[in-house]
Amino acid sequence: MRTLRIILFSLFGLLALVSLVAFGYYRSMEPRERAEFWYQYRKGRLQGDTQRQWFMGQAIKADPTFAQAYMQKSIAPTKRGDFATGMLLLNQAVDLEPVTYLGYRGYVKLYMLHDYKGALADYHRLDSLTPSFRDAPWSEDIYHVIGLAYMQLGDDANAMKYLDLADDPEAMGWVDDQVYLYRGMVQVRQGNYAVAITEFKKSIEANHFSDQYFHLAQAYFQVDSLPQGCTMLAEGQAQMAAGYVRSNAYYELPGQVYSSDFQELAAKYCGKE
């Protein structure tokens, strides 16, 4: 029994010594090093995990200028719909590193908050801060999302101006098929159905999603091309059945269509559901 006590006492003593050394080493770190020490422990944990959020909080506490921790901590509440908490954190990240995080804040405002004017303010500010660089916030060409924000505001002239700028494969190496889709939607709103049909066809040439066929069908119906419209509806329904549906788990996309939309349009123009 006495031997066991000696072993346990020795182990506790060793543990205390190791803890003191570790604490001394931590105390010797610079604030950013301490923040990064906590930040690394987020790896392997799901967004929203209590421990992950706690580690982000410790990183911020260690270095209140560590923008990345604010941004990462903002993601979970934003995805849960707690936008007040998420934006409070994200705003601090933007204040610290605007070039790095303005694009993400614009994305949240555009797609989740539907704060189109706020999104435009962020995107235009980001564009002005990087005059010699073509930004792609959250992997979308900046002129694409600026054009989309204007479209959602009903400002068709500026929507077309920026969506046209986004139609530049040399600038980014690609053109998102949604650039043509949104240009087509603007043209439909303007009553330019023939132009809209051309845009929707360009979108389909670049990709194959059910929403593209739906909007093309709508344009055909507007010019009394019922056979073509019904054919496009059928193709769109086939694409939807095959899983080619553009969607997001956290928000509804602009121009997103559902199975019921196809059924209603087919019943109206094609005599079937």
Protein backbone atom coordinates (compact mmCIF):
# COMPACT_ATOMS: atom_id res chain seq x y z
CA MET A 1 0.00 0.00 0.00
CA ARG A 2 2.85 2.37 0.89
CA THR A 3 4.51 1.60 -2.46
CA LEU A 4 1.26 2.42 -4.27
CA ARG A 5 1.01 5.77 -2.46
CA ILE A 6 4.59 6.60 -3.46
CA ILE A 7 3.86 5.74 -7.12
CA LEU A 8 0.66 7.81 -7.15
CA PHE A 9 2.36 10.74 -5.43
CA SER A 10 5.19 10.57 -7.97
CA LEU A 11 2.73 10.49 -10.88
CA PHE A 12 0.79 13.47 -9.52
CA GLY A 13 4.04 15.33 -8.97
CA LEU A 14 5.18 14.57 -12.52
CA LEU A 15 1.79 15.67 -13.90
CA ALA A 16 1.97 18.91 -11.95
CA LEU A 17 5.50 19.55 -13.24
CA VAL A 18 4.47 18.89 -16.85
CA SER A 19 1.45 21.18 -16.40
CA LEU A 20 3.65 23.95 -15.03
CA VAL A 21 6.09 23.61 -17.93
CA ALA A 22 3.23 23.60 -20.46
CA PHE A 23 1.62 26.61 -18.81
CA GLY A 24 4.94 28.43 -18.80
CA TYR A 25 5.42 27.65 -22.48
CA TYR A 26 1.90 28.86 -23.28
CA ARG A 27 2.52 32.07 -21.32
CA SER A 28 5.67 32.69 -23.33
CA MET A 29 3.79 32.62 -26.63
CA GLU A 30 2.81 35.73 -28.56
CA PRO A 31 -0.97 36.42 -28.65
CA ARG A 32 -1.29 35.18 -32.25
CA GLU A 33 0.60 31.99 -31.41
CA ARG A 34 -1.80 31.37 -28.52
CA ALA A 35 -4.77 31.97 -30.81
CA GLU A 36 -3.41 29.55 -33.40
CA PHE A 37 -2.77 27.02 -30.61
CA TRP A 38 -6.51 26.99 -29.82
CA TYR A 39 -7.60 27.38 -33.44
CA GLN A 40 -5.91 24.16 -34.55
CA TYR A 41 -8.17 22.10 -32.29
CA ARG A 42 -11.21 22.91 -34.50
CA LYS A 43 -9.94 20.32 -36.98
CA GLY A 44 -11.87 17.09 -37.05
CA ARG A 45 -14.92 18.64 -35.37
CA LEU A 46 -18.16 19.44 -37.13
CA GLN A 47 -19.30 23.03 -37.58
CA GLY A 48 -21.52 23.90 -34.63
CA ASP A 49 -19.87 21.34 -32.37
CA THR A 50 -19.79 22.79 -28.85
CA GLN A 51 -16.10 22.10 -28.38
CA ARG A 52 -15.24 23.59 -31.78
CA GLN A 53 -17.09 26.79 -30.92
CA TRP A 54 -15.36 26.89 -27.53
CA PHE A 55 -11.93 26.56 -29.14
CA MET A 56 -12.81 29.43 -31.53
CA GLY A 57 -13.82 31.49 -28.51
CA GLN A 58 -10.50 30.74 -26.78
CA ALA A 59 -8.63 31.73 -29.94
CA ILE A 60 -10.46 35.07 -30.02
CA LYS A 61 -9.80 35.58 -26.32
CA ALA A 62 -6.11 34.92 -26.86
CA ASP A 63 -5.90 37.34 -29.78
CA PRO A 64 -8.90 39.61 -30.44
CA THR A 65 -7.36 40.57 -33.80
CA PHE A 66 -7.47 36.99 -35.15
CA ALA A 67 -10.06 37.52 -37.93
CA GLN A 68 -10.15 33.91 -39.08
CA ALA A 69 -11.49 32.72 -35.73
CA TYR A 70 -14.37 35.23 -35.85
CA MET A 71 -15.30 34.10 -39.33
CA GLN A 72 -15.14 30.39 -38.50
CA LYS A 73 -17.18 30.89 -35.33
CA SER A 74 -19.82 32.78 -37.32
CA ILE A 75 -20.57 29.91 -39.70
CA ALA A 76 -22.58 27.64 -37.37
CA PRO A 77 -25.04 30.27 -36.08
CA THR A 78 -25.46 31.62 -39.62
CA LYS A 79 -26.34 28.17 -40.95
CA ARG A 80 -28.77 27.67 -38.06
CA GLY A 81 -30.51 30.92 -38.96
CA ASP A 82 -29.21 32.85 -35.94
CA PHE A 83 -28.13 35.69 -38.20
CA ALA A 84 -27.79 38.24 -35.38
CA THR A 85 -25.06 36.17 -33.71
CA GLY A 86 -23.46 35.11 -36.97
CA MET A 87 -23.27 38.62 -38.41
CA LEU A 88 -21.94 40.08 -35.16
CA LEU A 89 -18.96 37.73 -35.45
CA LEU A 90 -18.59 38.08 -39.20
CA ASN A 91 -18.66 41.88 -39.02
CA GLN A 92 -15.66 41.75 -36.71
CA ALA A 93 -13.79 39.54 -39.17
CA VAL A 94 -14.55 42.02 -41.97
CA ASP A 95 -13.42 44.95 -39.84
CA LEU A 96 -10.10 43.22 -39.25
CA GLU A 97 -9.50 41.83 -42.76
CA PRO A 98 -11.93 43.36 -45.27
CA VAL A 99 -10.30 41.98 -48.41
CA THR A 100 -10.43 38.44 -47.05
CA TYR A 101 -13.99 38.43 -45.69
CA LEU A 102 -16.06 41.03 -47.54
CA GLY A 103 -16.86 38.45 -50.22
CA TYR A 104 -18.20 35.93 -47.73
CA ARG A 105 -20.29 38.57 -45.96
CA GLY A 106 -21.68 39.64 -49.34
CA TYR A 107 -22.54 36.00 -50.02
CA VAL A 108 -24.44 35.70 -46.73
CA LYS A 109 -26.31 38.94 -47.38
CA LEU A 110 -27.17 38.01 -50.97
CA TYR A 111 -28.31 34.42 -50.55
CA MET A 112 -29.36 34.08 -46.92
CA LEU A 113 -30.47 37.52 -45.72
CA HIS A 114 -31.76 38.80 -49.09
CA ASP A 115 -30.11 42.08 -48.15
CA TYR A 116 -29.29 42.92 -51.75
CA LYS A 117 -28.23 46.50 -51.11
CA GLY A 118 -25.93 45.33 -48.32
CA ALA A 119 -24.47 42.65 -50.57
CA LEU A 120 -23.82 45.22 -53.30
CA ALA A 121 -22.08 47.51 -50.82
CA ASP A 122 -19.76 44.67 -49.78
CA TYR A 123 -19.06 43.49 -53.33
CA HIS A 124 -18.39 46.97 -54.68
CA ARG A 125 -16.13 47.74 -51.73
CA LEU A 126 -14.20 44.50 -52.28
CA ASP A 127 -13.87 45.28 -55.98
CA SER A 128 -12.50 48.74 -55.19
CA LEU A 129 -9.96 47.32 -52.74
CA THR A 130 -8.54 44.93 -55.36
CA PRO A 131 -8.31 47.07 -58.54
CA SER A 132 -5.79 44.81 -60.27
CA PHE A 133 -7.46 41.51 -59.33
CA ARG A 134 -10.71 39.87 -60.49
CA ASP A 135 -12.34 38.62 -57.31
CA ALA A 136 -14.33 35.39 -57.06
CA PRO A 137 -16.10 35.55 -53.68
CA TRP A 138 -17.09 32.05 -52.62
CA SER A 139 -16.04 30.76 -56.07
CA GLU A 140 -18.44 32.98 -58.02
CA ASP A 141 -17.23 35.74 -60.31
CA ILE A 142 -17.74 39.08 -58.57
CA TYR A 143 -19.56 40.59 -61.54
CA HIS A 144 -21.88 37.57 -61.59
CA VAL A 145 -23.01 38.12 -57.99
CA ILE A 146 -23.18 41.90 -58.40
CA GLY A 147 -25.41 41.39 -61.43
CA LEU A 148 -27.55 38.91 -59.50
CA ALA A 149 -28.00 41.36 -56.62
CA TYR A 150 -29.13 44.06 -59.02
CA MET A 151 -31.50 41.57 -60.67
CA GLN A 152 -33.06 40.76 -57.31
CA LEU A 153 -33.54 44.50 -56.73
CA GLY A 154 -35.31 44.82 -60.08
CA ASP A 155 -32.57 47.04 -61.50
CA ASP A 156 -32.44 45.35 -64.90
CA ALA A 157 -30.03 47.82 -66.51
CA ASN A 158 -27.31 47.29 -63.92
CA ALA A 159 -28.08 43.58 -63.74
CA MET A 160 -27.36 43.20 -67.45
CA LYS A 161 -24.32 45.47 -67.24
CA TYR A 162 -22.59 43.26 -64.67
CA LEU A 163 -23.85 39.92 -65.97
CA ASP A 164 -22.41 40.92 -69.36
CA LEU A 165 -19.08 41.65 -67.64
CA ALA A 166 -19.25 38.19 -66.07
CA ASP A 167 -19.51 36.65 -69.55
CA ASP A 168 -15.75 36.80 -69.98
CA PRO A 169 -14.06 33.38 -70.05
CA GLU A 170 -10.61 34.90 -70.43
CA ALA A 171 -10.89 36.79 -67.14
CA MET A 172 -11.75 33.83 -64.89
CA GLY A 173 -11.13 30.80 -67.08
CA TRP A 174 -14.82 29.92 -67.06
CA VAL A 175 -18.31 31.40 -67.28
CA ASP A 176 -20.90 30.08 -64.84
CA ASP A 177 -23.99 28.76 -66.67
CA GLN A 178 -26.10 30.78 -64.22
CA VAL A 179 -24.82 33.99 -65.83
CA TYR A 180 -26.81 33.04 -68.95
CA LEU A 181 -29.72 31.81 -66.85
CA TYR A 182 -30.01 35.12 -64.99
CA ARG A 183 -29.58 37.15 -68.15
CA GLY A 184 -32.43 35.14 -69.62
CA MET A 185 -34.60 35.82 -66.57
CA VAL A 186 -33.95 39.55 -66.89
CA GLN A 187 -34.84 39.43 -70.60
CA VAL A 188 -38.11 37.64 -69.77
CA ARG A 189 -38.92 40.38 -67.30
CA GLN A 190 -38.26 42.90 -70.06
CA GLY A 191 -40.49 41.01 -72.47
CA ASN A 192 -37.58 40.12 -74.76
CA TYR A 193 -38.53 36.46 -75.08
CA ALA A 194 -36.51 35.62 -78.20
CA VAL A 195 -33.34 36.96 -76.54
CA ALA A 196 -34.24 35.10 -73.34
CA ILE A 197 -34.59 31.83 -75.27
CA THR A 198 -31.09 32.31 -76.69
CA GLU A 199 -29.70 32.93 -73.19
CA PHE A 200 -31.41 29.89 -71.70
CA LYS A 201 -30.07 27.72 -74.52
CA LYS A 202 -26.54 28.98 -73.78
CA SER A 203 -27.05 28.02 -70.15
CA ILE A 204 -28.13 24.52 -71.15
CA GLU A 205 -25.14 24.16 -73.47
CA ALA A 206 -22.90 24.82 -70.45
CA ASN A 207 -24.76 22.60 -67.99
CA HIS A 208 -27.94 20.58 -67.53
CA PHE A 209 -30.16 21.43 -64.58
CA SER A 210 -33.94 21.23 -64.33
CA ASP A 211 -34.40 24.95 -63.67
CA GLN A 212 -32.81 25.88 -67.01
CA TYR A 213 -35.38 23.85 -68.95
CA PHE A 214 -38.23 25.24 -66.86
CA HIS A 215 -37.32 28.86 -67.60
CA LEU A 216 -36.75 28.05 -71.27
CA ALA A 217 -40.19 26.43 -71.42
CA GLN A 218 -41.76 29.53 -69.90
CA ALA A 219 -40.14 31.71 -72.56
CA TYR A 220 -41.39 29.42 -75.35
CA PHE A 221 -44.92 29.61 -73.98
CA GLN A 222 -44.74 33.39 -74.05
CA VAL A 223 -44.15 33.31 -77.81
CA ASP A 224 -46.84 30.64 -78.35
CA SER A 225 -44.32 27.91 -79.14
CA LEU A 226 -46.25 25.27 -77.21
CA PRO A 227 -44.62 22.15 -78.70
CA GLN A 228 -41.11 23.40 -77.90
CA GLY A 229 -42.23 24.54 -74.46
CA CYS A 230 -43.81 21.21 -73.59
CA THR A 231 -40.72 19.38 -74.84
CA MET A 232 -38.51 21.50 -72.59
CA LEU A 233 -40.83 20.90 -69.63
CA ALA A 234 -40.61 17.15 -70.16
CA GLU A 235 -36.83 17.35 -70.41
CA GLY A 236 -36.66 19.45 -67.25
CA GLN A 237 -38.79 16.93 -65.36
CA ALA A 238 -36.48 14.16 -66.57
CA GLN A 239 -33.45 16.11 -65.33
CA MET A 240 -35.16 16.62 -61.97
CA ALA A 241 -35.97 12.90 -61.70
CA ALA A 242 -32.31 12.13 -62.44
CA GLY A 243 -31.21 14.41 -59.60
CA TYR A 244 -30.00 17.36 -61.66
CA VAL A 245 -31.60 19.90 -59.36
CA ARG A 246 -29.87 23.09 -58.31
CA SER A 247 -30.45 23.60 -54.60
CA ASN A 248 -28.82 24.52 -51.31
CA ALA A 249 -29.46 23.07 -47.87
CA TYR A 250 -29.54 26.49 -46.20
CA TYR A 251 -31.39 28.80 -48.58
CA GLU A 252 -33.54 28.95 -51.70
CA LEU A 253 -31.68 29.87 -54.85
CA PRO A 254 -32.85 32.70 -57.13
CA GLY A 255 -35.06 31.19 -59.80
CA GLN A 256 -35.19 27.82 -58.05
CA VAL A 257 -38.01 25.58 -59.26
CA TYR A 258 -39.80 22.61 -57.73
CA SER A 259 -41.69 19.61 -59.02
CA SER A 260 -44.99 21.40 -58.37
CA ASP A 261 -43.87 24.26 -60.66
CA PHE A 262 -43.39 21.81 -63.52
CA GLN A 263 -46.77 20.21 -62.84
CA GLU A 264 -48.61 23.53 -62.80
CA LEU A 265 -47.02 24.72 -66.03
CA ALA A 266 -47.63 21.40 -67.77
CA ALA A 267 -51.28 21.45 -66.70
CA LYS A 268 -51.69 24.98 -68.04
CA TYR A 269 -49.99 24.60 -71.42
CA CYS A 270 -49.55 20.91 -72.15
CA GLY A 271 -52.83 19.48 -70.89
CA LYS A 272 -51.20 17.18 -68.37
CA GLU A 273 -49.74 17.13 -64.89
